[in-house]
């Protein structure tokens, strides 16, 4: 909560300095808030986590460098509802990031976040 309050004050202070856009983007990344221009809604569909090596896939609060919310094992079924507008490269793979929701064994409830498309199988 203190972190969020500090970040809000930084955004307010930055607006007078002309760097509000930069600070707002940093604030959004810290708290996993994506601007609607960065993703698009897709018709919801079911997919399966498939890392190719049986390992877990990280579900992040923000694509690419966001904090890991939970790690889902290969074979986990997820509901996909959003897709980033631009591709990213992870290792040798290039793909979009997808917003997924799933029942998570780690959280014992529903969880949502962004998964790299190279780890999803329709």
N, C-alpha and C. Protein backbone atom coordinates (compact mmCIF):
# COMPACT_ATOMS: atom_id res chain seq x y z
N UNK A 1 0.83 -1.20 0.00
CA UNK A 1 0.00 0.00 0.00
C UNK A 1 0.87 1.25 0.00
N UNK A 2 1.95 1.23 0.75
CA UNK A 2 2.86 2.37 0.79
C UNK A 2 3.50 2.58 -0.58
N UNK A 3 3.86 1.47 -1.23
CA UNK A 3 4.47 1.51 -2.56
C UNK A 3 3.51 2.17 -3.55
N UNK A 4 2.23 1.80 -3.49
CA UNK A 4 1.22 2.35 -4.39
C UNK A 4 1.04 3.86 -4.14
N UNK A 5 1.00 4.26 -2.88
CA UNK A 5 0.84 5.67 -2.53
C UNK A 5 2.03 6.49 -3.03
N UNK A 6 3.24 5.95 -2.83
CA UNK A 6 4.45 6.62 -3.29
C UNK A 6 4.44 6.77 -4.81
N UNK A 7 4.04 5.71 -5.51
CA UNK A 7 4.00 5.75 -6.97
C UNK A 7 2.98 6.77 -7.45
N UNK A 8 1.82 6.85 -6.80
CA UNK A 8 0.81 7.84 -7.18
C UNK A 8 1.33 9.26 -7.02
N UNK A 9 2.04 9.51 -5.93
CA UNK A 9 2.61 10.84 -5.70
C UNK A 9 3.66 11.15 -6.76
N UNK A 10 4.42 10.15 -7.17
CA UNK A 10 5.44 10.36 -8.21
C UNK A 10 4.78 10.73 -9.53
N UNK A 11 3.65 10.07 -9.87
CA UNK A 11 2.92 10.40 -11.09
C UNK A 11 2.43 11.84 -11.04
N UNK A 12 1.86 12.25 -9.91
CA UNK A 12 1.38 13.63 -9.76
C UNK A 12 2.52 14.64 -9.90
N UNK A 13 3.64 14.36 -9.26
CA UNK A 13 4.79 15.27 -9.33
C UNK A 13 5.35 15.34 -10.74
N UNK A 14 5.35 14.21 -11.44
CA UNK A 14 5.91 14.15 -12.78
C UNK A 14 5.09 14.95 -13.78
N UNK A 15 3.79 15.06 -13.54
CA UNK A 15 2.94 15.78 -14.50
C UNK A 15 3.39 17.23 -14.64
N UNK A 16 3.86 17.81 -13.55
CA UNK A 16 4.33 19.19 -13.64
C UNK A 16 5.71 19.27 -14.30
N UNK A 17 6.43 18.18 -14.30
CA UNK A 17 7.76 18.17 -14.89
C UNK A 17 7.74 17.72 -16.36
N UNK A 18 6.57 17.37 -16.89
CA UNK A 18 6.46 17.00 -18.29
C UNK A 18 6.86 15.57 -18.60
N UNK A 19 6.98 14.71 -17.59
CA UNK A 19 7.36 13.32 -17.82
C UNK A 19 6.28 12.35 -17.33
N UNK A 20 5.05 12.86 -17.27
CA UNK A 20 3.96 12.07 -16.73
C UNK A 20 3.79 10.73 -17.46
N UNK A 21 3.88 10.74 -18.79
CA UNK A 21 3.67 9.52 -19.57
C UNK A 21 4.67 8.44 -19.17
N UNK A 22 5.94 8.82 -19.04
CA UNK A 22 6.98 7.87 -18.67
C UNK A 22 6.73 7.28 -17.28
N UNK A 23 6.43 8.13 -16.33
CA UNK A 23 6.21 7.70 -14.96
C UNK A 23 4.94 6.85 -14.88
N UNK A 24 3.90 7.22 -15.63
CA UNK A 24 2.66 6.45 -15.63
C UNK A 24 2.90 5.04 -16.15
N UNK A 25 3.72 4.91 -17.19
CA UNK A 25 4.04 3.58 -17.73
C UNK A 25 4.80 2.75 -16.70
N UNK A 26 5.73 3.37 -15.99
CA UNK A 26 6.48 2.66 -14.95
C UNK A 26 5.55 2.21 -13.83
N UNK A 27 4.65 3.09 -13.42
CA UNK A 27 3.66 2.77 -12.39
C UNK A 27 2.82 1.57 -12.83
N UNK A 28 2.36 1.61 -14.08
CA UNK A 28 1.53 0.53 -14.61
C UNK A 28 2.27 -0.79 -14.60
N UNK A 29 3.54 -0.78 -14.96
CA UNK A 29 4.32 -2.03 -14.96
C UNK A 29 4.49 -2.58 -13.54
N UNK A 30 4.73 -1.70 -12.59
CA UNK A 30 4.91 -2.14 -11.21
C UNK A 30 3.66 -2.87 -10.71
N UNK A 31 2.49 -2.35 -11.06
CA UNK A 31 1.25 -2.91 -10.55
C UNK A 31 0.51 -3.78 -11.56
N UNK A 32 1.16 -4.09 -12.70
CA UNK A 32 0.57 -5.00 -13.67
C UNK A 32 -0.65 -4.44 -14.38
N UNK A 33 -0.68 -3.13 -14.59
CA UNK A 33 -1.81 -2.50 -15.25
C UNK A 33 -1.43 -2.24 -16.70
N UNK A 34 -2.17 -2.84 -17.64
CA UNK A 34 -1.88 -2.63 -19.05
C UNK A 34 -2.82 -1.60 -19.65
N UNK A 35 -2.28 -0.72 -20.45
CA UNK A 35 -3.08 0.23 -21.20
C UNK A 35 -3.82 -0.54 -22.29
N UNK A 36 -5.07 -0.18 -22.55
CA UNK A 36 -5.87 -0.91 -23.54
C UNK A 36 -5.24 -0.88 -24.93
N UNK A 37 -4.37 0.06 -25.21
CA UNK A 37 -3.72 0.12 -26.53
C UNK A 37 -2.66 -0.98 -26.68
N UNK A 38 -2.28 -1.63 -25.58
CA UNK A 38 -1.24 -2.65 -25.62
C UNK A 38 -1.76 -4.06 -25.87
N UNK A 39 -3.07 -4.26 -25.79
CA UNK A 39 -3.62 -5.59 -25.99
C UNK A 39 -4.97 -5.50 -26.68
N UNK A 40 -5.46 -6.64 -27.11
CA UNK A 40 -6.80 -6.70 -27.69
C UNK A 40 -7.55 -7.88 -27.11
N UNK A 41 -8.84 -7.72 -27.00
CA UNK A 41 -9.70 -8.80 -26.54
C UNK A 41 -9.79 -9.83 -27.66
N UNK A 42 -9.83 -11.10 -27.30
CA UNK A 42 -10.03 -12.17 -28.28
C UNK A 42 -11.25 -12.97 -27.84
N UNK A 43 -11.85 -13.66 -28.78
CA UNK A 43 -12.94 -14.56 -28.40
C UNK A 43 -12.35 -15.61 -27.46
N UNK A 44 -12.91 -15.71 -26.28
CA UNK A 44 -12.36 -16.61 -25.27
C UNK A 44 -12.30 -18.05 -25.80
N UNK A 45 -11.19 -18.69 -25.52
CA UNK A 45 -11.02 -20.09 -25.91
C UNK A 45 -10.17 -20.81 -24.86
N UNK A 46 -10.26 -22.12 -24.90
CA UNK A 46 -9.54 -22.95 -23.95
C UNK A 46 -8.22 -23.39 -24.59
N UNK A 47 -7.16 -23.36 -23.81
CA UNK A 47 -5.84 -23.80 -24.27
C UNK A 47 -5.17 -24.59 -23.15
N UNK A 48 -4.05 -25.20 -23.49
CA UNK A 48 -3.31 -26.01 -22.52
C UNK A 48 -1.88 -25.48 -22.42
N UNK A 49 -1.36 -25.44 -21.21
CA UNK A 49 0.04 -25.08 -21.01
C UNK A 49 0.89 -26.23 -21.55
N UNK A 50 1.85 -25.89 -22.42
CA UNK A 50 2.75 -26.90 -23.00
C UNK A 50 4.13 -26.28 -23.12
N UNK A 51 4.99 -26.56 -22.15
CA UNK A 51 6.33 -25.99 -22.15
C UNK A 51 7.29 -26.78 -23.04
N UNK A 52 6.86 -27.95 -23.46
CA UNK A 52 7.71 -28.78 -24.31
C UNK A 52 8.65 -29.68 -23.54
N UNK A 53 8.92 -29.35 -22.29
CA UNK A 53 9.83 -30.18 -21.49
C UNK A 53 9.20 -30.63 -20.17
N UNK A 54 7.89 -30.41 -20.05
CA UNK A 54 7.19 -30.83 -18.84
C UNK A 54 7.37 -29.90 -17.66
N UNK A 55 8.08 -28.81 -17.86
CA UNK A 55 8.32 -27.84 -16.80
C UNK A 55 7.09 -26.96 -16.61
N UNK A 56 7.17 -26.01 -15.69
CA UNK A 56 6.06 -25.08 -15.45
C UNK A 56 6.23 -23.82 -16.29
N UNK A 57 5.11 -23.17 -16.60
CA UNK A 57 5.12 -21.89 -17.29
C UNK A 57 4.75 -20.80 -16.28
N UNK A 58 5.49 -19.71 -16.31
CA UNK A 58 5.20 -18.60 -15.40
C UNK A 58 4.04 -17.77 -15.92
N UNK A 59 3.12 -17.45 -15.02
CA UNK A 59 2.01 -16.55 -15.30
C UNK A 59 2.40 -15.24 -14.63
N UNK A 60 2.47 -14.16 -15.42
CA UNK A 60 2.99 -12.89 -14.92
C UNK A 60 1.91 -11.83 -14.82
N UNK A 61 2.13 -10.83 -13.98
CA UNK A 61 1.15 -9.75 -13.85
C UNK A 61 1.26 -8.75 -15.00
N UNK A 62 2.33 -8.86 -15.79
CA UNK A 62 2.55 -7.99 -16.95
C UNK A 62 3.40 -8.79 -17.93
N UNK A 63 3.14 -8.70 -19.22
CA UNK A 63 3.93 -9.47 -20.18
C UNK A 63 5.44 -9.21 -20.08
N UNK A 64 6.21 -10.21 -20.41
CA UNK A 64 7.66 -10.20 -20.52
C UNK A 64 8.39 -10.07 -19.19
N UNK A 65 8.33 -8.93 -18.54
CA UNK A 65 9.15 -8.73 -17.35
C UNK A 65 8.34 -8.48 -16.08
N UNK A 66 7.06 -8.84 -16.11
CA UNK A 66 6.22 -8.67 -14.93
C UNK A 66 6.55 -9.68 -13.84
N UNK A 67 6.04 -9.43 -12.67
CA UNK A 67 6.24 -10.36 -11.54
C UNK A 67 5.48 -11.65 -11.79
N UNK A 68 6.05 -12.75 -11.34
CA UNK A 68 5.40 -14.05 -11.48
C UNK A 68 4.29 -14.15 -10.45
N UNK A 69 3.06 -14.38 -10.93
CA UNK A 69 1.90 -14.53 -10.07
C UNK A 69 1.81 -15.97 -9.59
N UNK A 70 2.01 -16.89 -10.53
CA UNK A 70 1.93 -18.32 -10.25
C UNK A 70 2.64 -19.05 -11.38
N UNK A 71 3.07 -20.27 -11.15
CA UNK A 71 3.65 -21.11 -12.19
C UNK A 71 2.72 -22.29 -12.40
N UNK A 72 2.28 -22.48 -13.65
CA UNK A 72 1.35 -23.57 -13.96
C UNK A 72 2.08 -24.71 -14.64
N UNK A 73 1.84 -25.94 -14.21
CA UNK A 73 2.51 -27.09 -14.82
C UNK A 73 1.99 -27.38 -16.22
N UNK A 74 2.83 -27.99 -17.05
CA UNK A 74 2.40 -28.43 -18.37
C UNK A 74 1.17 -29.30 -18.20
N UNK A 75 0.22 -29.13 -19.10
CA UNK A 75 -1.03 -29.87 -19.03
C UNK A 75 -2.16 -29.10 -18.38
N UNK A 76 -1.84 -27.99 -17.72
CA UNK A 76 -2.88 -27.17 -17.09
C UNK A 76 -3.78 -26.56 -18.16
N UNK A 77 -5.07 -26.57 -17.90
CA UNK A 77 -6.03 -25.99 -18.83
C UNK A 77 -6.29 -24.54 -18.41
N UNK A 78 -6.27 -23.64 -19.40
CA UNK A 78 -6.47 -22.22 -19.14
C UNK A 78 -7.51 -21.66 -20.08
N UNK A 79 -8.10 -20.53 -19.68
CA UNK A 79 -9.03 -19.80 -20.52
C UNK A 79 -8.31 -18.55 -21.00
N UNK A 80 -8.20 -18.39 -22.32
CA UNK A 80 -7.50 -17.25 -22.93
C UNK A 80 -8.53 -16.19 -23.32
N UNK A 81 -8.24 -14.91 -22.97
CA UNK A 81 -9.22 -13.87 -23.30
C UNK A 81 -8.62 -12.59 -23.89
N UNK A 82 -7.30 -12.44 -23.84
CA UNK A 82 -6.64 -11.24 -24.39
C UNK A 82 -5.31 -11.63 -25.02
N UNK A 83 -4.83 -10.74 -25.87
CA UNK A 83 -3.56 -10.97 -26.57
C UNK A 83 -2.85 -9.63 -26.73
N UNK A 84 -1.54 -9.61 -26.51
CA UNK A 84 -0.80 -8.37 -26.74
C UNK A 84 -0.82 -8.03 -28.23
N UNK A 85 -0.66 -6.78 -28.55
CA UNK A 85 -0.67 -6.36 -29.96
C UNK A 85 0.68 -6.61 -30.64
N UNK A 86 1.73 -6.71 -29.86
CA UNK A 86 3.06 -6.92 -30.42
C UNK A 86 3.67 -8.21 -29.88
N UNK A 87 4.47 -8.86 -30.73
CA UNK A 87 5.16 -10.08 -30.34
C UNK A 87 6.40 -9.74 -29.52
N UNK A 88 6.82 -10.70 -28.71
CA UNK A 88 8.05 -10.61 -27.94
C UNK A 88 8.87 -11.85 -28.22
N UNK A 89 10.15 -11.77 -27.94
CA UNK A 89 11.02 -12.93 -28.11
C UNK A 89 11.43 -13.46 -26.74
N UNK A 90 11.18 -14.74 -26.53
CA UNK A 90 11.60 -15.42 -25.30
C UNK A 90 12.44 -16.61 -25.74
N UNK A 91 13.71 -16.59 -25.37
CA UNK A 91 14.62 -17.62 -25.86
C UNK A 91 14.70 -17.50 -27.38
N UNK A 92 14.46 -18.60 -28.07
CA UNK A 92 14.49 -18.61 -29.53
C UNK A 92 13.10 -18.42 -30.14
N UNK A 93 12.07 -18.37 -29.30
CA UNK A 93 10.69 -18.27 -29.79
C UNK A 93 10.22 -16.83 -29.83
N UNK A 94 9.40 -16.52 -30.82
CA UNK A 94 8.77 -15.21 -30.91
C UNK A 94 7.27 -15.43 -30.99
N UNK A 95 6.52 -14.77 -30.12
CA UNK A 95 5.08 -14.96 -30.06
C UNK A 95 4.45 -13.81 -29.29
N UNK A 96 3.13 -13.81 -29.25
CA UNK A 96 2.38 -12.84 -28.46
C UNK A 96 2.31 -13.33 -27.02
N UNK A 97 1.90 -12.46 -26.12
CA UNK A 97 1.57 -12.82 -24.75
C UNK A 97 0.06 -12.89 -24.65
N UNK A 98 -0.44 -13.84 -23.88
CA UNK A 98 -1.89 -14.05 -23.75
C UNK A 98 -2.30 -13.96 -22.30
N UNK A 99 -3.43 -13.29 -22.07
CA UNK A 99 -3.99 -13.22 -20.72
C UNK A 99 -4.80 -14.48 -20.51
N UNK A 100 -4.47 -15.22 -19.45
CA UNK A 100 -5.14 -16.49 -19.16
C UNK A 100 -5.70 -16.48 -17.75
N UNK A 101 -6.69 -17.31 -17.54
CA UNK A 101 -7.24 -17.56 -16.21
C UNK A 101 -7.28 -19.07 -16.01
N UNK A 102 -7.02 -19.48 -14.79
CA UNK A 102 -6.99 -20.91 -14.50
C UNK A 102 -7.20 -21.15 -13.01
N UNK A 103 -7.66 -22.35 -12.72
CA UNK A 103 -7.65 -22.80 -11.33
C UNK A 103 -6.22 -23.20 -11.03
N UNK A 104 -5.65 -22.63 -10.01
CA UNK A 104 -4.24 -22.86 -9.72
C UNK A 104 -4.06 -23.71 -8.47
N UNK A 105 -3.25 -24.77 -8.58
CA UNK A 105 -2.95 -25.56 -7.37
C UNK A 105 -2.16 -24.77 -6.34
N UNK A 106 -1.39 -23.78 -6.78
CA UNK A 106 -0.58 -22.97 -5.85
C UNK A 106 -1.44 -22.03 -5.02
N UNK A 107 -2.44 -21.41 -5.66
CA UNK A 107 -3.27 -20.44 -4.94
C UNK A 107 -4.57 -21.05 -4.44
N UNK A 108 -4.85 -22.28 -4.87
CA UNK A 108 -6.09 -22.99 -4.51
C UNK A 108 -7.32 -22.17 -4.88
N UNK A 109 -7.25 -21.51 -6.01
CA UNK A 109 -8.37 -20.71 -6.50
C UNK A 109 -8.07 -20.22 -7.90
N UNK A 110 -8.93 -19.36 -8.40
CA UNK A 110 -8.73 -18.80 -9.73
C UNK A 110 -7.58 -17.81 -9.69
N UNK A 111 -6.80 -17.83 -10.75
CA UNK A 111 -5.72 -16.86 -10.89
C UNK A 111 -5.66 -16.42 -12.34
N UNK A 112 -5.17 -15.23 -12.58
CA UNK A 112 -5.06 -14.73 -13.93
C UNK A 112 -3.77 -13.98 -14.14
N UNK A 113 -3.32 -13.95 -15.37
CA UNK A 113 -2.10 -13.23 -15.71
C UNK A 113 -1.69 -13.54 -17.14
N UNK A 114 -0.50 -13.10 -17.50
CA UNK A 114 0.00 -13.19 -18.87
C UNK A 114 0.98 -14.35 -19.04
N UNK A 115 0.76 -15.14 -20.09
CA UNK A 115 1.62 -16.28 -20.41
C UNK A 115 2.15 -16.09 -21.83
N UNK A 116 3.41 -16.41 -22.04
CA UNK A 116 4.01 -16.34 -23.37
C UNK A 116 3.35 -17.38 -24.28
N UNK A 117 2.98 -16.95 -25.48
CA UNK A 117 2.27 -17.80 -26.42
C UNK A 117 3.01 -19.08 -26.80
N UNK A 118 4.34 -19.06 -26.71
CA UNK A 118 5.12 -20.26 -27.02
C UNK A 118 4.88 -21.40 -26.04
N UNK A 119 4.19 -21.11 -24.94
CA UNK A 119 3.88 -22.13 -23.94
C UNK A 119 2.41 -22.53 -23.94
N UNK A 120 1.67 -22.10 -24.97
CA UNK A 120 0.24 -22.44 -25.06
C UNK A 120 -0.03 -23.30 -26.28
N UNK A 121 -0.95 -24.23 -26.11
CA UNK A 121 -1.37 -25.08 -27.22
C UNK A 121 -2.88 -25.07 -27.26
N UNK A 122 -3.45 -24.70 -28.43
CA UNK A 122 -4.90 -24.67 -28.58
C UNK A 122 -5.49 -26.05 -28.55
